[in-house]
Amino acid sequence: MVKSTVRFPEGVVDEIEALVDEGPFESKSEFHRFATDYMLERVVDGYTPQTIDFAEIKADTLEDGEDDQDTPAELPFFESVVMVRQYALRDQISDAEDFIDHHYSPADRHALLLEEVLNAYRTERPDETPHSSKRLPEGRR
């Protein structure tokens, strides 16, 4: 295995040590391996966790429903893209952020994509229109 050094705030280390003392983790290293595998499994299509007993640890540590990767069936992803785009085109960025926060968990890959869609509208130059409805010069209509 490859060794990697990562620094964490003291409060984070204290919480991890408490989980090792009280929970299903045998060591801090096991916690870090599980946490990394868990995130990669959620955001990388086709990723296979390498942690030994990953499924058992996952079942022991996460409450039912905490691991839902998809949004509710009543809100298809494409419709969410349309909603976020509409808010952004109307300069209602905070409404778009609220929409994303309300309908998606922060670790959901769809939430990450919607944030990127929204970010595209945040970074446009003020003299550009955010969509293709630029006016043609006189005489070219």
Foldseek 3Di string as FASTA:
>chain_A
DDDDDDDDPPVVVVVLVVCCVPHDHVDSVLVVLLVVQLLCPLAPPPDDRDRVPSVVRCVRPDDPPPSDQDWDPVQDLVNLLVVLVVCLLVVNLVVNVVSLVVTHPPSHNSSVVSVVSSVLSVPDDPVDRPDDPDDDPPPPD
